[in-house]
Amino acid sequence: MTLIQYIIVRKDLMKALKWNIGAVITQCCHAVAAINEMTRDNDELTKQYLSTENIDKMHKCVLGIENQEKLEELHKKLNDNGVISKLWIEQPENIPTCIALKPYEKESVQEYFKDLKLMR
């Protein structure tokens, strides 16, 4: 069983909003830290993913999504289907930037991302 953690980030942050790559990466880090903290005590897959024996075997996939509207639509779809995730909203600007899922078996969630490509 391969566990993976998906991160979906807005592509327009760097293009339209002129954020630098470091700022965008920071948003992803915030979202991952938040969802892992939210689920580490009560989710077996998160416990396994973060365990000492797996710490050097983590798999993550960072995908790009067009804009805030598409990001929020995806977040709603994930929530509606019981997929546990964190929509990171940068403060104090109140800008939704990315979504991080808790660790999942790849096959159980990859269908939600079939139209997305790796973030570049």
PDB file of N, CA and C in Angstrom:
ATOM      1  N   MET A   1       0.853  -1.185   0.000  1.00  0.00           N
ATOM      2  CA  MET A   1       0.000   0.000   0.000  1.00  0.00           C
ATOM      3  C   MET A   1       0.895   1.244   0.000  1.00  0.00           C
ATOM      4  N   THR A   2       0.665   2.099  -0.972  1.00  0.00           N
ATOM      5  CA  THR A   2       1.414   3.353  -1.054  1.00  0.00           C
ATOM      6  C   THR A   2       0.552   4.491  -0.531  1.00  0.00           C
ATOM      7  N   LEU A   3       1.053   5.154   0.492  1.00  0.00           N
ATOM      8  CA  LEU A   3       0.368   6.342   0.997  1.00  0.00           C
ATOM      9  C   LEU A   3       0.935   7.556   0.290  1.00  0.00           C
ATOM     10  N   ILE A   4       0.052   8.495   0.010  1.00  0.00           N
ATOM     11  CA  ILE A   4       0.456   9.718  -0.680  1.00  0.00           C
ATOM     12  C   ILE A   4      -0.293  10.890  -0.075  1.00  0.00           C
ATOM     13  N   GLN A   5       0.346  12.022  -0.100  1.00  0.00           N
ATOM     14  CA  GLN A   5      -0.297  13.250   0.355  1.00  0.00           C
ATOM     15  C   GLN A   5      -0.349  14.202  -0.830  1.00  0.00           C
ATOM     16  N   TYR A   6      -1.560  14.575  -1.207  1.00  0.00           N
ATOM     17  CA  TYR A   6      -1.757  15.492  -2.326  1.00  0.00           C
ATOM     18  C   TYR A   6      -1.832  16.928  -1.824  1.00  0.00           C
ATOM     19  N   ILE A   7      -1.207  17.819  -2.580  1.00  0.00           N
ATOM     20  CA  ILE A   7      -1.285  19.256  -2.344  1.00  0.00           C
ATOM     21  C   ILE A   7      -1.697  19.883  -3.667  1.00  0.00           C
ATOM     22  N   ILE A   8      -2.725  20.719  -3.633  1.00  0.00           N
ATOM     23  CA  ILE A   8      -3.212  21.385  -4.834  1.00  0.00           C
ATOM     24  C   ILE A   8      -3.054  22.879  -4.612  1.00  0.00           C
ATOM     25  N   VAL A   9      -2.319  23.525  -5.499  1.00  0.00           N
ATOM     26  CA  VAL A   9      -1.971  24.933  -5.302  1.00  0.00           C
ATOM     27  C   VAL A   9      -2.387  25.758  -6.524  1.00  0.00           C
ATOM     28  N   ARG A  10      -2.801  26.965  -6.265  1.00  0.00           N
ATOM     29  CA  ARG A  10      -3.232  27.874  -7.334  1.00  0.00           C
ATOM     30  C   ARG A  10      -2.063  28.295  -8.214  1.00  0.00           C
ATOM     31  N   LYS A  11      -2.210  28.086  -9.513  1.00  0.00           N
ATOM     32  CA  LYS A  11      -1.175  28.494 -10.466  1.00  0.00           C
ATOM     33  C   LYS A  11      -1.137  30.006 -10.644  1.00  0.00           C
ATOM     34  N   ASP A  12      -2.254  30.669 -10.438  1.00  0.00           N
ATOM     35  CA  ASP A  12      -2.296  32.114 -10.672  1.00  0.00           C
ATOM     36  C   ASP A  12      -1.593  32.924  -9.580  1.00  0.00           C
ATOM     37  N   LEU A  13      -1.186  32.285  -8.499  1.00  0.00           N
ATOM     38  CA  LEU A  13      -0.472  33.024  -7.455  1.00  0.00           C
ATOM     39  C   LEU A  13       0.820  33.617  -8.002  1.00  0.00           C
ATOM     40  N   MET A  14       1.529  32.852  -8.815  1.00  0.00           N
ATOM     41  CA  MET A  14       2.796  33.335  -9.376  1.00  0.00           C
ATOM     42  C   MET A  14       2.577  34.184 -10.620  1.00  0.00           C
ATOM     43  N   LYS A  15       1.564  33.848 -11.387  1.00  0.00           N
ATOM     44  CA  LYS A  15       1.353  34.571 -12.646  1.00  0.00           C
ATOM     45  C   LYS A  15       0.617  35.890 -12.404  1.00  0.00           C
ATOM     46  N   ALA A  16      -0.650  35.809 -12.099  1.00  0.00           N
ATOM     47  CA  ALA A  16      -1.478  37.012 -11.971  1.00  0.00           C
ATOM     48  C   ALA A  16      -1.144  37.829 -10.722  1.00  0.00           C
ATOM     49  N   LEU A  17      -0.885  37.146  -9.610  1.00  0.00           N
ATOM     50  CA  LEU A  17      -0.648  37.864  -8.356  1.00  0.00           C
ATOM     51  C   LEU A  17       0.826  38.158  -8.100  1.00  0.00           C
ATOM     52  N   LYS A  18       1.711  37.609  -8.934  1.00  0.00           N
ATOM     53  CA  LYS A  18       3.156  37.892  -8.879  1.00  0.00           C
ATOM     54  C   LYS A  18       3.825  37.457  -7.573  1.00  0.00           C
ATOM     55  N   TRP A  19       3.337  36.355  -6.978  1.00  0.00           N
ATOM     56  CA  TRP A  19       4.002  35.814  -5.808  1.00  0.00           C
ATOM     57  C   TRP A  19       5.269  35.101  -6.268  1.00  0.00           C
ATOM     58  N   ASN A  20       6.313  35.124  -5.457  1.00  0.00           N
ATOM     59  CA  ASN A  20       7.523  34.385  -5.819  1.00  0.00           C
ATOM     60  C   ASN A  20       7.378  32.921  -5.406  1.00  0.00           C
ATOM     61  N   ILE A  21       8.245  32.082  -5.945  1.00  0.00           N
ATOM     62  CA  ILE A  21       8.150  30.642  -5.711  1.00  0.00           C
ATOM     63  C   ILE A  21       8.273  30.297  -4.228  1.00  0.00           C
ATOM     64  N   GLY A  22       9.101  31.018  -3.504  1.00  0.00           N
ATOM     65  CA  GLY A  22       9.254  30.762  -2.073  1.00  0.00           C
ATOM     66  C   GLY A  22       7.961  30.981  -1.306  1.00  0.00           C
ATOM     67  N   ALA A  23       7.236  32.030  -1.651  1.00  0.00           N
ATOM     68  CA  ALA A  23       5.959  32.315  -0.988  1.00  0.00           C
ATOM     69  C   ALA A  23       4.938  31.219  -1.276  1.00  0.00           C
ATOM     70  N   VAL A  24       4.939  30.713  -2.500  1.00  0.00           N
ATOM     71  CA  VAL A  24       3.995  29.656  -2.877  1.00  0.00           C
ATOM     72  C   VAL A  24       4.347  28.352  -2.156  1.00  0.00           C
ATOM     73  N   ILE A  25       5.624  28.019  -2.115  1.00  0.00           N
ATOM     74  CA  ILE A  25       6.051  26.809  -1.406  1.00  0.00           C
ATOM     75  C   ILE A  25       5.686  26.907   0.073  1.00  0.00           C
ATOM     76  N   THR A  26       5.841  28.078   0.645  1.00  0.00           N
ATOM     77  CA  THR A  26       5.489  28.283   2.052  1.00  0.00           C
ATOM     78  C   THR A  26       4.017  27.988   2.302  1.00  0.00           C
ATOM     79  N   GLN A  27       3.149  28.390   1.391  1.00  0.00           N
ATOM     80  CA  GLN A  27       1.719  28.113   1.530  1.00  0.00           C
ATOM     81  C   GLN A  27       1.466  26.611   1.596  1.00  0.00           C
ATOM     82  N   CYS A  28       2.131  25.867   0.721  1.00  0.00           N
ATOM     83  CA  CYS A  28       1.984  24.407   0.708  1.00  0.00           C
ATOM     84  C   CYS A  28       2.468  23.805   2.026  1.00  0.00           C
ATOM     85  N   CYS A  29       3.584  24.300   2.519  1.00  0.00           N
ATOM     86  CA  CYS A  29       4.120  23.813   3.798  1.00  0.00           C
ATOM     87  C   CYS A  29       3.141  24.070   4.935  1.00  0.00           C
ATOM     88  N   HIS A  30       2.550  25.255   4.967  1.00  0.00           N
ATOM     89  CA  HIS A  30       1.560  25.580   6.002  1.00  0.00           C
ATOM     90  C   HIS A  30       0.386  24.602   5.952  1.00  0.00           C
ATOM     91  N   ALA A  31      -0.133  24.365   4.751  1.00  0.00           N
ATOM     92  CA  ALA A  31      -1.303  23.498   4.600  1.00  0.00           C
ATOM     93  C   ALA A  31      -0.990  22.066   5.024  1.00  0.00           C
ATOM     94  N   VAL A  32       0.180  21.555   4.634  1.00  0.00           N
ATOM     95  CA  VAL A  32       0.574  20.194   5.008  1.00  0.00           C
ATOM     96  C   VAL A  32       0.750  20.085   6.522  1.00  0.00           C
ATOM     97  N   ALA A  33       1.437  21.043   7.120  1.00  0.00           N
ATOM     98  CA  ALA A  33       1.624  21.014   8.572  1.00  0.00           C
ATOM     99  C   ALA A  33       0.276  21.048   9.287  1.00  0.00           C
ATOM    100  N   ALA A  34      -0.643  21.859   8.794  1.00  0.00           N
ATOM    101  CA  ALA A  34      -1.955  21.990   9.430  1.00  0.00           C
ATOM    102  C   ALA A  34      -2.755  20.692   9.353  1.00  0.00           C
ATOM    103  N   ILE A  35      -2.862  20.097   8.169  1.00  0.00           N
ATOM    104  CA  ILE A  35      -3.683  18.885   8.039  1.00  0.00           C
ATOM    105  C   ILE A  35      -3.051  17.720   8.793  1.00  0.00           C
ATOM    106  N   ASN A  36      -1.728  17.636   8.794  1.00  0.00           N
ATOM    107  CA  ASN A  36      -1.086  16.551   9.542  1.00  0.00           C
ATOM    108  C   ASN A  36      -1.309  16.711  11.040  1.00  0.00           C
ATOM    109  N   GLU A  37      -1.250  17.930  11.534  1.00  0.00           N
ATOM    110  CA  GLU A  37      -1.518  18.178  12.951  1.00  0.00           C
ATOM    111  C   GLU A  37      -2.979  17.888  13.284  1.00  0.00           C
ATOM    112  N   MET A  38      -3.883  18.251  12.375  1.00  0.00           N
ATOM    113  CA  MET A  38      -5.312  18.040  12.603  1.00  0.00           C
ATOM    114  C   MET A  38      -5.681  16.557  12.663  1.00  0.00           C
ATOM    115  N   THR A  39      -4.933  15.702  11.960  1.00  0.00           N
ATOM    116  CA  THR A  39      -5.336  14.297  11.832  1.00  0.00           C
ATOM    117  C   THR A  39      -4.393  13.298  12.498  1.00  0.00           C
ATOM    118  N   ARG A  40      -3.265  13.725  13.004  1.00  0.00           N
ATOM    119  CA  ARG A  40      -2.246  12.765  13.459  1.00  0.00           C
ATOM    120  C   ARG A  40      -2.666  11.923  14.660  1.00  0.00           C
ATOM    121  N   ASP A  41      -3.525  12.430  15.507  1.00  0.00           N
ATOM    122  CA  ASP A  41      -3.917  11.674  16.698  1.00  0.00           C
ATOM    123  C   ASP A  41      -5.077  10.714  16.468  1.00  0.00           C
ATOM    124  N   ASN A  42      -5.885  10.947  15.427  1.00  0.00           N
ATOM    125  CA  ASN A  42      -7.098  10.138  15.270  1.00  0.00           C
ATOM    126  C   ASN A  42      -7.234   9.470  13.905  1.00  0.00           C
ATOM    127  N   ASP A  43      -6.194   9.503  13.091  1.00  0.00           N
ATOM    128  CA  ASP A  43      -6.272   8.895  11.762  1.00  0.00           C
ATOM    129  C   ASP A  43      -5.112   7.912  11.591  1.00  0.00           C
ATOM    130  N   GLU A  44      -5.442   6.656  11.358  1.00  0.00           N
ATOM    131  CA  GLU A  44      -4.415   5.614  11.273  1.00  0.00           C
ATOM    132  C   GLU A  44      -3.469   5.820  10.096  1.00  0.00           C
ATOM    133  N   LEU A  45      -3.983   6.285   8.955  1.00  0.00           N
ATOM    134  CA  LEU A  45      -3.106   6.494   7.803  1.00  0.00           C
ATOM    135  C   LEU A  45      -2.118   7.630   8.057  1.00  0.00           C
ATOM    136  N   THR A  46      -2.572   8.675   8.728  1.00  0.00           N
ATOM    137  CA  THR A  46      -1.658   9.770   9.068  1.00  0.00           C
ATOM    138  C   THR A  46      -0.597   9.284  10.048  1.00  0.00           C
ATOM    139  N   LYS A  47      -1.009   8.511  11.048  1.00  0.00           N
ATOM    140  CA  LYS A  47      -0.041   7.955  12.004  1.00  0.00           C
ATOM    141  C   LYS A  47       1.012   7.122  11.281  1.00  0.00           C
ATOM    142  N   GLN A  48       0.559   6.290  10.359  1.00  0.00           N
ATOM    143  CA  GLN A  48       1.484   5.438   9.607  1.00  0.00           C
ATOM    144  C   GLN A  48       2.421   6.284   8.746  1.00  0.00           C
ATOM    145  N   TYR A  49       1.869   7.260   8.060  1.00  0.00           N
ATOM    146  CA  TYR A  49       2.643   8.131   7.169  1.00  0.00           C
ATOM    147  C   TYR A  49       3.729   8.887   7.928  1.00  0.00           C
ATOM    148  N   LEU A  50       3.398   9.335   9.130  1.00  0.00           N
ATOM    149  CA  LEU A  50       4.327  10.130   9.935  1.00  0.00           C
ATOM    150  C   LEU A  50       5.197   9.298  10.877  1.00  0.00           C
ATOM    151  N   SER A  51       5.033   7.989  10.851  1.00  0.00           N
ATOM    152  CA  SER A  51       5.773   7.132  11.775  1.00  0.00           C
ATOM    153  C   SER A  51       7.274   7.171  11.501  1.00  0.00           C
ATOM    154  N   THR A  52       8.040   6.898  12.532  1.00  0.00           N
ATOM    155  CA  THR A  52       9.502   6.917  12.425  1.00  0.00           C
ATOM    156  C   THR A  52       9.999   5.985  11.325  1.00  0.00           C
ATOM    157  N   GLU A  53       9.402   4.812  11.204  1.00  0.00           N
ATOM    158  CA  GLU A  53       9.863   3.864  10.191  1.00  0.00           C
ATOM    159  C   GLU A  53       9.528   4.299   8.763  1.00  0.00           C
ATOM    160  N   ASN A  54       8.605   5.218   8.600  1.00  0.00           N
ATOM    161  CA  ASN A  54       8.234   5.690   7.254  1.00  0.00           C
ATOM    162  C   ASN A  54       8.696   7.113   6.953  1.00  0.00           C
ATOM    163  N   ILE A  55       9.364   7.735   7.882  1.00  0.00           N
ATOM    164  CA  ILE A  55       9.697   9.157   7.758  1.00  0.00           C
ATOM    165  C   ILE A  55      10.511   9.467   6.504  1.00  0.00           C
ATOM    166  N   ASP A  56      11.320   8.526   6.045  1.00  0.00           N
ATOM    167  CA  ASP A  56      12.127   8.758   4.846  1.00  0.00           C
ATOM    168  C   ASP A  56      11.489   8.198   3.580  1.00  0.00           C
ATOM    169  N   LYS A  57      10.224   7.798   3.670  1.00  0.00           N
ATOM    170  CA  LYS A  57       9.535   7.192   2.524  1.00  0.00           C
ATOM    171  C   LYS A  57       8.266   7.953   2.143  1.00  0.00           C
ATOM    172  N   MET A  58       8.157   9.182   2.566  1.00  0.00           N
ATOM    173  CA  MET A  58       6.944   9.954   2.291  1.00  0.00           C
ATOM    174  C   MET A  58       6.799  10.229   0.799  1.00  0.00           C
ATOM    175  N   HIS A  59       5.560  10.112   0.319  1.00  0.00           N
ATOM    176  CA  HIS A  59       5.235  10.472  -1.058  1.00  0.00           C
ATOM    177  C   HIS A  59       4.268  11.654  -1.028  1.00  0.00           C
ATOM    178  N   LYS A  60       4.592  12.667  -1.808  1.00  0.00           N
ATOM    179  CA  LYS A  60       3.707  13.821  -1.960  1.00  0.00           C
ATOM    180  C   LYS A  60       3.558  14.102  -3.442  1.00  0.00           C
ATOM    181  N   CYS A  61       2.432  14.678  -3.806  1.00  0.00           N
ATOM    182  CA  CYS A  61       2.186  15.069  -5.189  1.00  0.00           C
ATOM    183  C   CYS A  61       1.602  16.477  -5.163  1.00  0.00           C
ATOM    184  N   VAL A  62       2.293  17.412  -5.799  1.00  0.00           N
ATOM    185  CA  VAL A  62       1.850  18.809  -5.826  1.00  0.00           C
ATOM    186  C   VAL A  62       1.288  19.097  -7.209  1.00  0.00           C
ATOM    187  N   LEU A  63       0.003  19.407  -7.239  1.00  0.00           N
ATOM    188  CA  LEU A  63      -0.706  19.661  -8.484  1.00  0.00           C
ATOM    189  C   LEU A  63      -1.118  21.121  -8.566  1.00  0.00           C
ATOM    190  N   GLY A  64      -1.210  21.634  -9.778  1.00  0.00           N
ATOM    191  CA  GLY A  64      -1.632  23.011  -9.983  1.00  0.00           C
ATOM    192  C   GLY A  64      -3.094  23.086 -10.372  1.00  0.00           C
ATOM    193  N   ILE A  65      -3.745  24.144  -9.928  1.00  0.00           N
ATOM    194  CA  ILE A  65      -5.135  24.410 -10.309  1.00  0.00           C
ATOM    195  C   ILE A  65      -5.218  25.875 -10.719  1.00  0.00           C
ATOM    196  N   GLU A  66      -6.109  26.192 -11.616  1.00  0.00           N
ATOM    197  CA  GLU A  66      -6.111  27.493 -12.292  1.00  0.00           C
ATOM    198  C   GLU A  66      -6.204  28.711 -11.379  1.00  0.00           C
ATOM    199  N   ASN A  67      -7.182  28.725 -10.462  1.00  0.00           N
ATOM    200  CA  ASN A  67      -7.450  29.967  -9.733  1.00  0.00           C
ATOM    201  C   ASN A  67      -8.232  29.687  -8.446  1.00  0.00           C
ATOM    202  N   GLN A  68      -8.574  30.740  -7.738  1.00  0.00           N
ATOM    203  CA  GLN A  68      -9.292  30.621  -6.471  1.00  0.00           C
ATOM    204  C   GLN A  68     -10.639  29.936  -6.644  1.00  0.00           C
ATOM    205  N   GLU A  69     -11.375  30.299  -7.672  1.00  0.00           N
ATOM    206  CA  GLU A  69     -12.692  29.706  -7.898  1.00  0.00           C
ATOM    207  C   GLU A  69     -12.588  28.189  -8.056  1.00  0.00           C
ATOM    208  N   LYS A  70     -11.655  27.732  -8.872  1.00  0.00           N
ATOM    209  CA  LYS A  70     -11.477  26.289  -9.101  1.00  0.00           C
ATOM    210  C   LYS A  70     -10.998  25.589  -7.828  1.00  0.00           C
ATOM    211  N   LEU A  71     -10.129  26.251  -7.068  1.00  0.00           N
ATOM    212  CA  LEU A  71      -9.636  25.691  -5.812  1.00  0.00           C
ATOM    213  C   LEU A  71     -10.791  25.483  -4.834  1.00  0.00           C
ATOM    214  N   GLU A  72     -11.641  26.486  -4.698  1.00  0.00           N
ATOM    215  CA  GLU A  72     -12.771  26.392  -3.772  1.00  0.00           C
ATOM    216  C   GLU A  72     -13.793  25.360  -4.241  1.00  0.00           C
ATOM    217  N   GLU A  73     -13.995  25.238  -5.550  1.00  0.00           N
ATOM    218  CA  GLU A  73     -14.889  24.202  -6.089  1.00  0.00           C
ATOM    219  C   GLU A  73     -14.360  22.811  -5.744  1.00  0.00           C
ATOM    220  N   LEU A  74     -13.060  22.617  -5.926  1.00  0.00           N
ATOM    221  CA  LEU A  74     -12.461  21.321  -5.612  1.00  0.00           C
ATOM    222  C   LEU A  74     -12.571  21.031  -4.118  1.00  0.00           C
ATOM    223  N   HIS A  75     -12.326  22.026  -3.291  1.00  0.00           N
ATOM    224  CA  HIS A  75     -12.422  21.825  -1.845  1.00  0.00           C
ATOM    225  C   HIS A  75     -13.833  21.406  -1.445  1.00  0.00           C
ATOM    226  N   LYS A  76     -14.830  22.026  -2.033  1.00  0.00           N
ATOM    227  CA  LYS A  76     -16.221  21.653  -1.754  1.00  0.00           C
ATOM    228  C   LYS A  76     -16.488  20.213  -2.187  1.00  0.00           C
ATOM    229  N   LYS A  77     -16.014  19.855  -3.371  1.00  0.00           N
ATOM    230  CA  LYS A  77     -16.200  18.490  -3.874  1.00  0.00           C
ATOM    231  C   LYS A  77     -15.542  17.473  -2.944  1.00  0.00           C
ATOM    232  N   LEU A  78     -14.338  17.767  -2.501  1.00  0.00           N
ATOM    233  CA  LEU A  78     -13.653  16.873  -1.569  1.00  0.00           C
ATOM    234  C   LEU A  78     -14.454  16.730  -0.277  1.00  0.00           C
ATOM    235  N   ASN A  79     -14.883  17.854   0.290  1.00  0.00           N
ATOM    236  CA  ASN A  79     -15.678  17.818   1.527  1.00  0.00           C
ATOM    237  C   ASN A  79     -16.972  17.048   1.337  1.00  0.00           C
ATOM    238  N   ASP A  80     -17.656  17.304   0.219  1.00  0.00           N
ATOM    239  CA  ASP A  80     -18.926  16.630  -0.056  1.00  0.00           C
ATOM    240  C   ASP A  80     -18.767  15.119  -0.157  1.00  0.00           C
ATOM    241  N   ASN A  81     -17.564  14.668  -0.517  1.00  0.00           N
ATOM    242  CA  ASN A  81     -17.300  13.239  -0.675  1.00  0.00           C
ATOM    243  C   ASN A  81     -16.512  12.641   0.491  1.00  0.00           C
ATOM    244  N   GLY A  82     -16.401  13.387   1.580  1.00  0.00           N
ATOM    245  CA  GLY A  82     -15.775  12.869   2.785  1.00  0.00           C
ATOM    246  C   GLY A  82     -14.261  12.776   2.741  1.00  0.00           C
ATOM    247  N   VAL A  83     -13.637  13.469   1.788  1.00  0.00           N
ATOM    248  CA  VAL A  83     -12.178  13.485   1.690  1.00  0.00           C
ATOM    249  C   VAL A  83     -11.668  14.577   2.628  1.00  0.00           C
ATOM    250  N   ILE A  84     -10.831  14.195   3.565  1.00  0.00           N
ATOM    251  CA  ILE A  84     -10.364  15.121   4.597  1.00  0.00           C
ATOM    252  C   ILE A  84      -9.213  15.960   4.059  1.00  0.00           C
ATOM    253  N   SER A  85      -9.400  17.272   4.129  1.00  0.00           N
ATOM    254  CA  SER A  85      -8.396  18.187   3.587  1.00  0.00           C
ATOM    255  C   SER A  85      -8.420  19.499   4.355  1.00  0.00           C
ATOM    256  N   LYS A  86      -7.401  20.301   4.097  1.00  0.00           N
ATOM    257  CA  LYS A  86      -7.300  21.636   4.696  1.00  0.00           C
ATOM    258  C   LYS A  86      -7.141  22.654   3.581  1.00  0.00           C
ATOM    259  N   LEU A  87      -8.067  23.571   3.495  1.00  0.00           N
ATOM    260  CA  LEU A  87      -7.941  24.710   2.587  1.00  0.00           C
ATOM    261  C   LEU A  87      -7.145  25.769   3.338  1.00  0.00           C
ATOM    262  N   TRP A  88      -5.933  26.050   2.851  1.00  0.00           N
ATOM    263  CA  TRP A  88      -5.108  27.048   3.524  1.00  0.00           C
ATOM    264  C   TRP A  88      -5.488  28.430   3.024  1.00  0.00           C
ATOM    265  N   ILE A  89      -5.783  29.336   3.968  1.00  0.00           N
ATOM    266  CA  ILE A  89      -6.144  30.715   3.646  1.00  0.00           C
ATOM    267  C   ILE A  89      -5.094  31.619   4.279  1.00  0.00           C
ATOM    268  N   GLU A  90      -4.314  32.253   3.434  1.00  0.00           N
ATOM    269  CA  GLU A  90      -3.239  33.126   3.907  1.00  0.00           C
ATOM    270  C   GLU A  90      -3.825  34.347   4.606  1.00  0.00           C
ATOM    271  N   GLN A  91      -3.305  34.625   5.794  1.00  0.00           N
ATOM    272  CA  GLN A  91      -3.741  35.759   6.607  1.00  0.00           C
ATOM    273  C   GLN A  91      -2.583  36.747   6.738  1.00  0.00           C
ATOM    274  N   PRO A  92      -2.849  37.997   6.867  1.00  0.00           N
ATOM    275  CA  PRO A  92      -4.157  38.621   7.055  1.00  0.00           C
ATOM    276  C   PRO A  92      -4.874  38.952   5.747  1.00  0.00           C
ATOM    277  N   GLU A  93      -4.274  38.566   4.625  1.00  0.00           N
ATOM    278  CA  GLU A  93      -4.847  38.925   3.321  1.00  0.00           C
ATOM    279  C   GLU A  93      -6.140  38.184   3.001  1.00  0.00           C
ATOM    280  N   ASN A  94      -6.386  37.054   3.702  1.00  0.00           N
ATOM    281  CA  ASN A  94      -7.583  36.243   3.500  1.00  0.00           C
ATOM    282  C   ASN A  94      -7.651  35.666   2.081  1.00  0.00           C
ATOM    283  N   ILE A  95      -6.512  35.140   1.607  1.00  0.00           N
ATOM    284  CA  ILE A  95      -6.408  34.602   0.252  1.00  0.00           C
ATOM    285  C   ILE A  95      -6.304  33.079   0.316  1.00  0.00           C
ATOM    286  N   PRO A  96      -7.313  32.346  -0.203  1.00  0.00           N
ATOM    287  CA  PRO A  96      -7.192  30.888  -0.302  1.00  0.00           C
ATOM    288  C   PRO A  96      -6.079  30.545  -1.291  1.00  0.00           C
ATOM    289  N   THR A  97      -5.103  29.747  -0.858  1.00  0.00           N
ATOM    290  CA  THR A  97      -3.932  29.495  -1.694  1.00  0.00           C
ATOM    291  C   THR A  97      -3.776  28.049  -2.133  1.00  0.00           C
ATOM    292  N   CYS A  98      -4.106  27.110  -1.257  1.00  0.00           N
ATOM    293  CA  CYS A  98      -3.886  25.710  -1.607  1.00  0.00           C
ATOM    294  C   CYS A  98      -4.717  24.796  -0.713  1.00  0.00           C
ATOM    295  N   ILE A  99      -4.751  23.537  -1.109  1.00  0.00           N
ATOM    296  CA  ILE A  99      -5.419  22.485  -0.343  1.00  0.00           C
ATOM    297  C   ILE A  99      -4.390  21.397  -0.078  1.00  0.00           C
ATOM    298  N   ALA A 100      -4.349  20.894   1.131  1.00  0.00           N
ATOM    299  CA  ALA A 100      -3.551  19.705   1.436  1.00  0.00           C
ATOM    300  C   ALA A 100      -4.491  18.629   1.964  1.00  0.00           C
ATOM    301  N   LEU A 101      -4.358  17.437   1.433  1.00  0.00           N
ATOM    302  CA  LEU A 101      -5.110  16.297   1.931  1.00  0.00           C
ATOM    303  C   LEU A 101      -4.305  15.604   3.012  1.00  0.00           C
ATOM    304  N   LYS A 102      -4.997  14.949   3.916  1.00  0.00           N
ATOM    305  CA  LYS A 102      -4.304  14.049   4.823  1.00  0.00           C
ATOM    306  C   LYS A 102      -3.754  12.910   3.968  1.00  0.00           C
ATOM    307  N   PRO A 103      -2.826  12.111   4.470  1.00  0.00           N
ATOM    308  CA  PRO A 103      -2.341  10.980   3.687  1.00  0.00           C
ATOM    309  C   PRO A 103      -3.463   9.976   3.388  1.00  0.00           C
ATOM    310  N   TYR A 104      -3.487   9.522   2.151  1.00  0.00           N
ATOM    311  CA  TYR A 104      -4.459   8.528   1.684  1.00  0.00           C
ATOM    312  C   TYR A 104      -3.744   7.474   0.859  1.00  0.00           C
ATOM    313  N   GLU A 105      -4.404   6.322   0.700  1.00  0.00           N
ATOM    314  CA  GLU A 105      -3.969   5.374  -0.308  1.00  0.00           C
ATOM    315  C   GLU A 105      -4.260   6.035  -1.652  1.00  0.00           C
ATOM    316  N   LYS A 106      -3.289   6.035  -2.524  1.00  0.00           N
ATOM    317  CA  LYS A 106      -3.381   6.765  -3.791  1.00  0.00           C
ATOM    318  C   LYS A 106      -4.668   6.443  -4.550  1.00  0.00           C
ATOM    319  N   GLU A 107      -4.985   5.169  -4.646  1.00  0.00           N
ATOM    320  CA  GLU A 107      -6.137   4.740  -5.437  1.00  0.00           C
ATOM    321  C   GLU A 107      -7.461   5.274  -4.902  1.00  0.00           C
ATOM    322  N   SER A 108      -7.510   5.615  -3.637  1.00  0.00           N
ATOM    323  CA  SER A 108      -8.778   6.040  -3.045  1.00  0.00           C
ATOM    324  C   SER A 108      -9.135   7.496  -3.336  1.00  0.00           C
ATOM    325  N   VAL A 109      -8.158   8.297  -3.790  1.00  0.00           N
ATOM    326  CA  VAL A 109      -8.450   9.719  -4.015  1.00  0.00           C
ATOM    327  C   VAL A 109      -7.995  10.265  -5.366  1.00  0.00           C
ATOM    328  N   GLN A 110      -7.215   9.511  -6.114  1.00  0.00           N
ATOM    329  CA  GLN A 110      -6.635  10.065  -7.345  1.00  0.00           C
ATOM    330  C   GLN A 110      -7.686  10.482  -8.370  1.00  0.00           C
ATOM    331  N   GLU A 111      -8.891   9.913  -8.301  1.00  0.00           N
ATOM    332  CA  GLU A 111      -9.944  10.275  -9.253  1.00  0.00           C
ATOM    333  C   GLU A 111     -10.302  11.766  -9.192  1.00  0.00           C
ATOM    334  N   TYR A 112     -10.130  12.380  -8.038  1.00  0.00           N
ATOM    335  CA  TYR A 112     -10.479  13.794  -7.886  1.00  0.00           C
ATOM    336  C   TYR A 112      -9.501  14.724  -8.604  1.00  0.00           C
ATOM    337  N   PHE A 113      -8.361  14.186  -8.992  1.00  0.00           N
ATOM    338  CA  PHE A 113      -7.296  15.016  -9.556  1.00  0.00           C
ATOM    339  C   PHE A 113      -6.940  14.644 -10.988  1.00  0.00           C
ATOM    340  N   LYS A 114      -7.780  13.852 -11.635  1.00  0.00           N
ATOM    341  CA  LYS A 114      -7.445  13.338 -12.970  1.00  0.00           C
ATOM    342  C   LYS A 114      -7.258  14.435 -14.009  1.00  0.00           C
ATOM    343  N   ASP A 115      -7.868  15.593 -13.816  1.00  0.00           N
ATOM    344  CA  ASP A 115      -7.739  16.686 -14.787  1.00  0.00           C
ATOM    345  C   ASP A 115      -6.640  17.684 -14.422  1.00  0.00           C
ATOM    346  N   LEU A 116      -5.950  17.454 -13.315  1.00  0.00           N
ATOM    347  CA  LEU A 116      -4.902  18.374 -12.873  1.00  0.00           C
ATOM    348  C   LEU A 116      -3.530  17.838 -13.262  1.00  0.00           C
ATOM    349  N   LYS A 117      -2.590  18.764 -13.439  1.00  0.00           N
ATOM    350  CA  LYS A 117      -1.220  18.395 -13.795  1.00  0.00           C
ATOM    351  C   LYS A 117      -0.275  18.821 -12.679  1.00  0.00           C
ATOM    352  N   LEU A 118       0.908  18.224 -12.697  1.00  0.00           N
ATOM    353  CA  LEU A 118       1.917  18.611 -11.721  1.00  0.00           C
ATOM    354  C   LEU A 118       2.159  20.113 -11.775  1.00  0.00           C
ATOM    355  N   MET A 119       2.336  20.707 -10.614  1.00  0.00           N
ATOM    356  CA  MET A 119       2.626  22.140 -10.540  1.00  0.00           C
ATOM    357  C   MET A 119       4.007  22.391 -11.117  1.00  0.00           C
ATOM    358  N   ARG A 120       4.091  23.369 -11.995  1.00  0.00           N
ATOM    359  CA  ARG A 120       5.383  23.709 -12.626  1.00  0.00           C
ATOM    360  C   ARG A 120       5.598  25.199 -12.561  1.00  0.00           C
TER     361      ARG A 120
END
